[in-house]
Amino acid sequence: MPTVLDSLNTALRQALTQDERVLILGEDLLDPYGGAFKVTRGLSDAFPGRVLTTPISEAGFTGLAIGMALRGLRPVVEIMFGDFLTLAADQIINHAAKFRWMYNGNKPETERVSLPLVIRTPMGGRRGYGPTHSQTLEKHFLGTPGLVVLAPCALGDPGQLLLDAILFTNDPLLFVENKLLYLAQVQDITQSDDFEFRIHNDRTDAEPGFAAPTYLCRVRGAPPPTLTLTAYGYMAELAQQAQRRLAYEHEVFVELVVPTGLSPCKMHPLLASLERTGRLLAVEEGTRNLGWGAEILARSAEALGARLKRARRLAAHDLPIPASGPLEAHVLPSVENIIQCCLEMTQSD
């Protein structure tokens, strides 16, 4: 099976092949280096002049890409580390996300502004890179009107998610790739011996070619679940490991809900699971305070009221990420943490 990195690299190659308007911009992308995490390897040799290496100026080349998108191109920006998104936050939040409201007004369809820009970036820790290269910062961009935020996982086809984002979306989009997810093998959800999956796709008339799937996962042959576990990106990998161990070691059965679309937030697959279980644990690698999990719990409580019996968040401690391996492991949530939370939530009322 291919890795997530292979899948994303193939998607970029397909996008460049299928649409000549697609370009890729970022630091150190040219071969033989092929980018800091090698997602763009081989592409500058195959598509000379369309994979552009840039100066070290995230605000500068993100702004350049915004202009390209406004002029009809479909640029893909790579930010070398997700921590550096803060350097382009003004361009993303105050400009790209707002232009369609600022400039369209009552213009006819043929004159309306669109901004088909994809910004890819690796997030996350567990590599010992220290406080400024290990953060999970997407929560600072969630909820920005006009900005779509996606997070691929190792289920299904992460490359297809990226390809659809590049070719079919007409609004700025942040594509968050966890560093440890790159080397994870893509799971063929149709051939799993241990798990059974259902997929929920959100398709709209406005974007008929694009869907951000939500994956629902249960241990194959297990009794009905008593808790809903939700996580995205690499944390979904850890949640699935916890789900297996909970079933086989503790006879506790949970349903795992893995969204790939973080913003706008589509709640109905999760709410359908909660109608069955009444218990929710939201897991994320970002810091706990005011995070994604808090929003998920709030929306679940608003929708279900007293039918939501228990709800809890698990996230990183509200601390900078240490460079020390043992300290980093202590700050970030683990499989053991997930198992312990699930046991506490299901073994007492």
Protein backbone atom coordinates (compact mmCIF):
# COMPACT_ATOMS: atom_id res chain seq x y z
CA MET A 1 0.00 0.00 0.00
CA PRO A 2 1.22 3.55 -0.69
CA THR A 3 2.03 5.93 2.14
CA VAL A 4 0.11 9.15 2.70
CA LEU A 5 3.16 10.99 1.34
CA ASP A 6 3.04 8.90 -1.85
CA SER A 7 -0.67 9.57 -2.21
CA LEU A 8 -0.25 13.35 -1.85
CA ASN A 9 2.70 13.41 -4.26
CA THR A 10 0.67 11.49 -6.85
CA ALA A 11 -2.22 13.94 -6.40
CA LEU A 12 0.03 16.93 -7.05
CA ARG A 13 1.40 15.25 -10.17
CA GLN A 14 -2.13 14.53 -11.40
CA ALA A 15 -3.24 18.10 -10.76
CA LEU A 16 -0.30 19.51 -12.73
CA THR A 17 -1.04 17.05 -15.54
CA GLN A 18 -4.78 17.63 -15.72
CA ASP A 19 -4.88 21.43 -15.48
CA GLU A 20 -2.19 23.70 -16.89
CA ARG A 21 -3.39 26.50 -14.57
CA VAL A 22 -1.99 24.62 -11.56
CA LEU A 23 1.35 25.85 -10.18
CA ILE A 24 3.18 25.03 -6.95
CA LEU A 25 5.09 27.64 -4.92
CA GLY A 26 7.21 27.29 -1.79
CA GLU A 27 10.64 27.09 -0.25
CA ASP A 28 13.19 24.47 -1.41
CA LEU A 29 10.74 22.61 -3.65
CA LEU A 30 13.07 22.00 -6.57
CA ASP A 31 14.64 18.62 -7.23
CA PRO A 32 16.70 16.86 -6.08
CA TYR A 33 15.63 18.20 -2.66
CA GLY A 34 11.90 18.11 -3.40
CA GLY A 35 10.72 19.98 -0.30
CA ALA A 36 11.45 19.55 3.40
CA PHE A 37 9.17 16.50 3.68
CA LYS A 38 9.54 15.36 0.02
CA VAL A 39 5.87 15.77 -0.89
CA THR A 40 6.90 17.64 -4.07
CA ARG A 41 9.77 15.32 -5.03
CA GLY A 42 10.12 14.74 -8.76
CA LEU A 43 7.66 17.45 -9.73
CA SER A 44 10.00 20.29 -10.70
CA ASP A 45 11.86 17.98 -13.09
CA ALA A 46 8.59 16.77 -14.62
CA PHE A 47 6.98 20.25 -14.82
CA PRO A 48 9.75 22.83 -15.24
CA GLY A 49 8.53 26.37 -14.81
CA ARG A 50 5.40 25.32 -12.88
CA VAL A 51 7.05 24.33 -9.59
CA LEU A 52 8.55 27.56 -8.26
CA THR A 53 11.04 27.85 -5.43
CA THR A 54 10.65 31.05 -3.44
CA PRO A 55 12.56 33.31 -1.06
CA ILE A 56 12.03 32.80 2.67
CA SER A 57 8.99 35.06 2.84
CA GLU A 58 5.72 33.29 3.60
CA ALA A 59 3.73 36.52 3.43
CA GLY A 60 5.37 37.40 0.12
CA PHE A 61 4.79 34.20 -1.81
CA THR A 62 1.34 33.64 -0.29
CA GLY A 63 0.40 37.11 -1.47
CA LEU A 64 1.83 36.32 -4.91
CA ALA A 65 -0.29 33.15 -5.05
CA ILE A 66 -3.41 35.13 -4.10
CA GLY A 67 -2.77 37.40 -7.09
CA MET A 68 -2.27 34.37 -9.34
CA ALA A 69 -5.60 32.91 -8.19
CA LEU A 70 -7.39 36.19 -8.82
CA ARG A 71 -6.03 36.16 -12.38
CA GLY A 72 -7.38 32.67 -13.14
CA LEU A 73 -4.56 30.33 -12.11
CA ARG A 74 -4.92 27.56 -9.51
CA PRO A 75 -1.82 27.92 -7.30
CA VAL A 76 -0.79 25.50 -4.57
CA VAL A 77 1.37 27.00 -1.82
CA GLU A 78 3.56 24.87 0.44
CA ILE A 79 4.38 26.38 3.83
CA MET A 80 7.43 24.41 4.99
CA PHE A 81 6.26 24.09 8.62
CA GLY A 82 2.74 24.82 9.84
CA ASP A 83 4.21 27.05 12.55
CA PHE A 84 5.11 29.53 9.79
CA LEU A 85 1.47 30.01 8.81
CA THR A 86 1.50 32.83 11.34
CA LEU A 87 3.81 34.77 8.99
CA ALA A 88 1.14 34.64 6.26
CA ALA A 89 -1.89 35.05 8.53
CA ASP A 90 -2.61 38.56 7.31
CA GLN A 91 -2.63 37.43 3.68
CA ILE A 92 -4.83 34.41 4.46
CA ILE A 93 -7.33 35.84 6.95
CA ASN A 94 -7.54 39.51 6.01
CA HIS A 95 -7.21 39.18 2.25
CA ALA A 96 -7.72 35.77 0.58
CA ALA A 97 -10.67 34.75 2.76
CA LYS A 98 -12.48 38.08 2.28
CA PHE A 99 -11.99 39.05 -1.36
CA ARG A 100 -15.13 37.41 -2.73
CA TRP A 101 -17.27 39.50 -0.34
CA MET A 102 -15.26 42.68 -0.81
CA TYR A 103 -15.25 42.71 -4.61
CA ASN A 104 -18.24 40.79 -5.94
CA GLY A 105 -21.21 42.88 -4.86
CA ASN A 106 -23.94 42.60 -7.49
CA LYS A 107 -21.63 41.59 -10.33
CA PRO A 108 -22.95 39.12 -12.90
CA GLU A 109 -21.71 35.54 -12.66
CA THR A 110 -19.21 36.02 -15.51
CA GLU A 111 -17.49 38.86 -13.64
CA ARG A 112 -17.48 37.45 -10.13
CA VAL A 113 -14.20 37.07 -8.25
CA SER A 114 -13.07 33.60 -7.19
CA LEU A 115 -9.88 32.63 -5.40
CA PRO A 116 -8.93 28.97 -6.02
CA LEU A 117 -5.90 28.81 -3.72
CA VAL A 118 -4.73 25.71 -1.80
CA ILE A 119 -2.22 26.18 1.03
CA ARG A 120 -0.59 22.92 2.14
CA THR A 121 1.42 22.67 5.33
CA PRO A 122 2.75 19.99 7.73
CA MET A 123 1.67 20.30 11.36
CA GLY A 124 2.36 18.47 14.58
CA GLY A 125 5.03 17.21 16.92
CA ARG A 126 6.61 13.88 17.96
CA ARG A 127 9.72 14.61 15.88
CA GLY A 128 11.76 16.47 18.54
CA TYR A 129 11.77 19.71 16.53
CA GLY A 130 11.06 21.93 19.54
CA PRO A 131 8.60 24.73 20.32
CA THR A 132 8.59 26.62 17.01
CA HIS A 133 8.53 23.65 14.59
CA SER A 134 6.16 21.21 16.32
CA GLN A 135 2.89 23.03 16.94
CA THR A 136 -0.63 22.23 15.80
CA LEU A 137 -1.99 25.66 14.98
CA GLU A 138 -4.99 25.10 12.72
CA LYS A 139 -7.40 26.07 15.50
CA HIS A 140 -6.33 29.69 14.94
CA PHE A 141 -7.72 29.49 11.38
CA LEU A 142 -10.91 27.50 12.03
CA GLY A 143 -14.05 29.57 11.79
CA THR A 144 -12.56 32.21 9.48
CA PRO A 145 -15.41 33.05 7.06
CA GLY A 146 -14.44 32.20 3.51
CA LEU A 147 -11.58 29.86 4.44
CA VAL A 148 -11.98 26.08 4.09
CA VAL A 149 -9.79 23.90 6.35
CA LEU A 150 -9.19 20.22 5.52
CA ALA A 151 -7.11 17.58 7.31
CA PRO A 152 -6.33 14.33 5.47
CA CYS A 153 -6.04 11.03 7.30
CA ALA A 154 -4.71 7.59 6.34
CA LEU A 155 -8.18 6.25 5.58
CA GLY A 156 -9.57 6.05 2.06
CA ASP A 157 -7.70 8.22 -0.41
CA PRO A 158 -5.97 11.31 1.04
CA GLY A 159 -4.52 12.13 -2.38
CA GLN A 160 -8.00 12.31 -3.91
CA LEU A 161 -8.99 14.80 -1.22
CA LEU A 162 -6.04 17.01 -2.22
CA LEU A 163 -6.66 16.59 -5.95
CA ASP A 164 -10.32 17.56 -5.59
CA ALA A 165 -9.34 20.56 -3.46
CA ILE A 166 -6.94 21.80 -6.14
CA LEU A 167 -9.17 21.23 -9.16
CA PHE A 168 -12.71 21.85 -7.90
CA THR A 169 -12.73 24.40 -5.08
CA ASN A 170 -12.92 28.11 -5.87
CA ASP A 171 -12.27 29.50 -2.39
CA PRO A 172 -9.02 29.63 -0.41
CA LEU A 173 -8.35 26.36 1.36
CA LEU A 174 -5.92 25.32 4.08
CA PHE A 175 -4.79 21.68 3.79
CA VAL A 176 -3.27 20.47 7.07
CA GLU A 177 -0.92 17.46 6.84
CA ASN A 178 0.43 15.91 10.04
CA LYS A 179 4.15 15.11 9.85
CA LEU A 180 3.86 11.59 11.27
CA LEU A 181 1.02 10.83 8.91
CA TYR A 182 3.33 11.12 5.89
CA LEU A 183 4.87 7.67 6.41
CA ALA A 184 1.64 5.97 7.48
CA GLN A 185 0.29 3.48 4.97
CA VAL A 186 -3.03 4.37 3.39
CA GLN A 187 -5.69 1.95 4.65
CA ASP A 188 -7.85 0.26 2.05
CA ILE A 189 -11.11 0.54 3.95
CA THR A 190 -12.78 -2.02 1.67
CA GLN A 191 -10.29 -4.74 2.66
CA SER A 192 -9.89 -4.34 6.42
CA ASP A 193 -10.00 -7.49 8.53
CA ASP A 194 -10.32 -5.66 11.84
CA PHE A 195 -12.64 -2.75 11.06
CA GLU A 196 -15.79 -1.97 9.14
CA PHE A 197 -16.25 1.51 7.69
CA ARG A 198 -18.96 3.79 6.42
CA ILE A 199 -18.26 6.99 4.52
CA HIS A 200 -20.32 10.13 4.63
CA ASN A 201 -19.64 12.60 1.80
CA ASP A 202 -20.74 16.22 1.86
CA ARG A 203 -21.36 17.27 -1.73
CA THR A 204 -22.98 20.53 -2.73
CA ASP A 205 -24.47 21.84 -5.94
CA ALA A 206 -21.97 24.69 -5.86
CA GLU A 207 -19.01 22.30 -5.80
CA PRO A 208 -20.25 19.08 -7.45
CA GLY A 209 -16.76 17.62 -7.90
CA PHE A 210 -15.60 18.09 -4.32
CA ALA A 211 -16.42 16.20 -1.14
CA ALA A 212 -14.69 16.14 2.24
CA PRO A 213 -15.50 12.65 3.53
CA THR A 214 -16.17 11.72 7.12
CA TYR A 215 -15.22 8.13 8.01
CA LEU A 216 -17.15 6.12 10.60
CA CYS A 217 -15.23 3.13 11.93
CA ARG A 218 -16.23 0.19 14.15
CA VAL A 219 -14.44 -2.97 15.17
CA ARG A 220 -15.73 -5.68 12.86
CA GLY A 221 -18.36 -7.91 14.47
CA ALA A 222 -18.46 -5.90 17.71
CA PRO A 223 -21.62 -5.19 19.74
CA PRO A 224 -23.24 -1.75 19.42
CA PRO A 225 -20.89 1.02 20.59
CA THR A 226 -21.38 2.81 23.91
CA LEU A 227 -19.14 5.81 23.17
CA THR A 228 -18.34 7.99 20.17
CA LEU A 229 -14.69 8.89 19.68
CA THR A 230 -13.81 11.64 17.19
CA ALA A 231 -10.38 12.71 15.98
CA TYR A 232 -8.74 13.90 12.76
CA GLY A 233 -5.35 13.67 11.04
CA TYR A 234 -2.69 11.65 12.84
CA MET A 235 -4.75 11.60 16.03
CA ALA A 236 -7.25 9.43 14.14
CA GLU A 237 -4.44 6.87 13.75
CA LEU A 238 -3.88 6.84 17.51
CA ALA A 239 -7.63 6.75 18.14
CA GLN A 240 -7.97 3.69 15.91
CA GLN A 241 -5.19 1.94 17.84
CA ALA A 242 -7.02 2.76 21.07
CA GLN A 243 -10.30 1.56 19.57
CA ARG A 244 -8.78 -1.85 18.78
CA ARG A 245 -7.24 -2.25 22.24
CA LEU A 246 -10.42 -1.15 24.01
CA ALA A 247 -12.33 -3.89 22.19
CA TYR A 248 -9.86 -6.72 22.63
CA GLU A 249 -8.41 -5.87 26.06
CA HIS A 250 -11.38 -4.27 27.86
CA GLU A 251 -14.51 -5.26 25.89
CA VAL A 252 -15.38 -1.60 25.50
CA PHE A 253 -16.72 -0.79 22.04
CA VAL A 254 -16.54 2.67 20.53
CA GLU A 255 -17.45 4.20 17.20
CA LEU A 256 -14.70 6.35 15.69
CA VAL A 257 -15.75 9.38 13.62
CA VAL A 258 -12.96 10.87 11.50
CA PRO A 259 -13.77 14.12 9.65
CA THR A 260 -11.50 15.42 6.90
CA GLY A 261 -13.38 18.73 6.72
CA LEU A 262 -12.72 20.84 9.83
CA SER A 263 -14.16 24.15 8.67
CA PRO A 264 -16.93 24.68 7.74
CA CYS A 265 -17.88 22.23 10.46
CA LYS A 266 -20.34 19.55 9.28
CA MET A 267 -21.81 17.88 12.36
CA HIS A 268 -24.46 15.45 11.10
CA PRO A 269 -22.29 12.26 10.88
CA LEU A 270 -21.06 12.85 14.43
CA LEU A 271 -24.53 13.69 15.74
CA ALA A 272 -25.94 10.52 14.18
CA SER A 273 -23.31 8.51 16.06
CA LEU A 274 -24.05 10.33 19.31
CA GLU A 275 -27.74 9.49 18.97
CA ARG A 276 -26.61 5.86 19.20
CA THR A 277 -24.08 6.21 22.03
CA GLY A 278 -24.84 9.33 24.10
CA ARG A 279 -21.15 9.71 25.01
CA LEU A 280 -18.46 11.75 23.24
CA LEU A 281 -14.70 12.00 23.50
CA ALA A 282 -13.03 14.51 21.15
CA VAL A 283 -9.29 14.10 20.66
CA GLU A 284 -6.88 16.58 19.06
CA GLU A 285 -3.14 17.29 19.01
CA GLY A 286 -3.59 21.04 19.37
CA THR A 287 -3.67 22.62 22.80
CA ARG A 288 -6.83 22.07 24.83
CA ASN A 289 -7.75 25.66 25.60
CA LEU A 290 -10.40 26.98 23.16
CA GLY A 291 -9.63 24.22 20.66
CA TRP A 292 -11.44 22.19 18.00
CA GLY A 293 -12.71 19.75 20.61
CA ALA A 294 -14.37 22.54 22.59
CA GLU A 295 -16.34 23.59 19.50
CA ILE A 296 -17.34 19.98 18.78
CA LEU A 297 -18.58 19.47 22.34
CA ALA A 298 -20.47 22.77 22.33
CA ARG A 299 -22.26 22.01 19.06
CA SER A 300 -23.07 18.48 20.23
CA ALA A 301 -24.56 19.76 23.48
CA GLU A 302 -26.60 22.39 21.63
CA ALA A 303 -27.98 19.78 19.24
CA LEU A 304 -28.64 16.90 21.64
CA GLY A 305 -29.29 18.50 25.02
CA ALA A 306 -29.89 15.87 27.72
CA ARG A 307 -29.40 13.05 25.21
CA LEU A 308 -25.67 13.77 25.43
CA LYS A 309 -24.95 11.96 28.68
CA ARG A 310 -21.21 12.54 28.87
CA ALA A 311 -18.70 14.62 26.91
CA ARG A 312 -14.99 15.16 27.33
CA ARG A 313 -11.98 16.62 25.51
CA LEU A 314 -8.45 15.24 25.24
CA ALA A 315 -5.72 17.45 23.79
CA ALA A 316 -2.17 18.66 24.25
CA HIS A 317 -1.33 20.45 27.48
CA ASP A 318 -1.38 24.24 27.24
CA LEU A 319 2.39 24.43 26.95
CA PRO A 320 5.00 24.97 24.23
CA ILE A 321 6.11 21.67 22.67
CA PRO A 322 9.41 20.59 24.29
CA ALA A 323 12.40 19.41 22.23
CA SER A 324 13.07 16.64 24.78
CA GLY A 325 11.49 13.36 23.66
CA PRO A 326 10.10 12.30 27.06
CA LEU A 327 8.74 15.78 27.77
CA GLU A 328 7.20 16.04 24.30
CA ALA A 329 5.49 12.68 24.83
CA HIS A 330 4.11 13.95 28.14
CA VAL A 331 2.66 17.12 26.59
CA LEU A 332 0.97 15.44 23.60
CA PRO A 333 -1.99 13.02 23.89
CA SER A 334 -1.21 9.32 23.51
CA VAL A 335 -2.99 6.03 22.86
CA GLU A 336 -2.85 5.30 26.60
CA ASN A 337 -4.49 8.65 27.36
CA ILE A 338 -7.32 7.88 24.92
CA ILE A 339 -7.89 4.42 26.42
CA GLN A 340 -7.95 5.80 29.96
CA CYS A 341 -10.47 8.52 29.07
CA CYS A 342 -12.74 6.03 27.32
CA LEU A 343 -12.65 3.66 30.28
CA GLU A 344 -13.48 6.44 32.71
CA MET A 345 -16.39 7.57 30.56
CA THR A 346 -17.93 4.11 30.07
CA GLN A 347 -17.33 2.47 33.47
CA SER A 348 -19.24 5.01 35.56
CA ASP A 349 -22.34 7.16 35.07
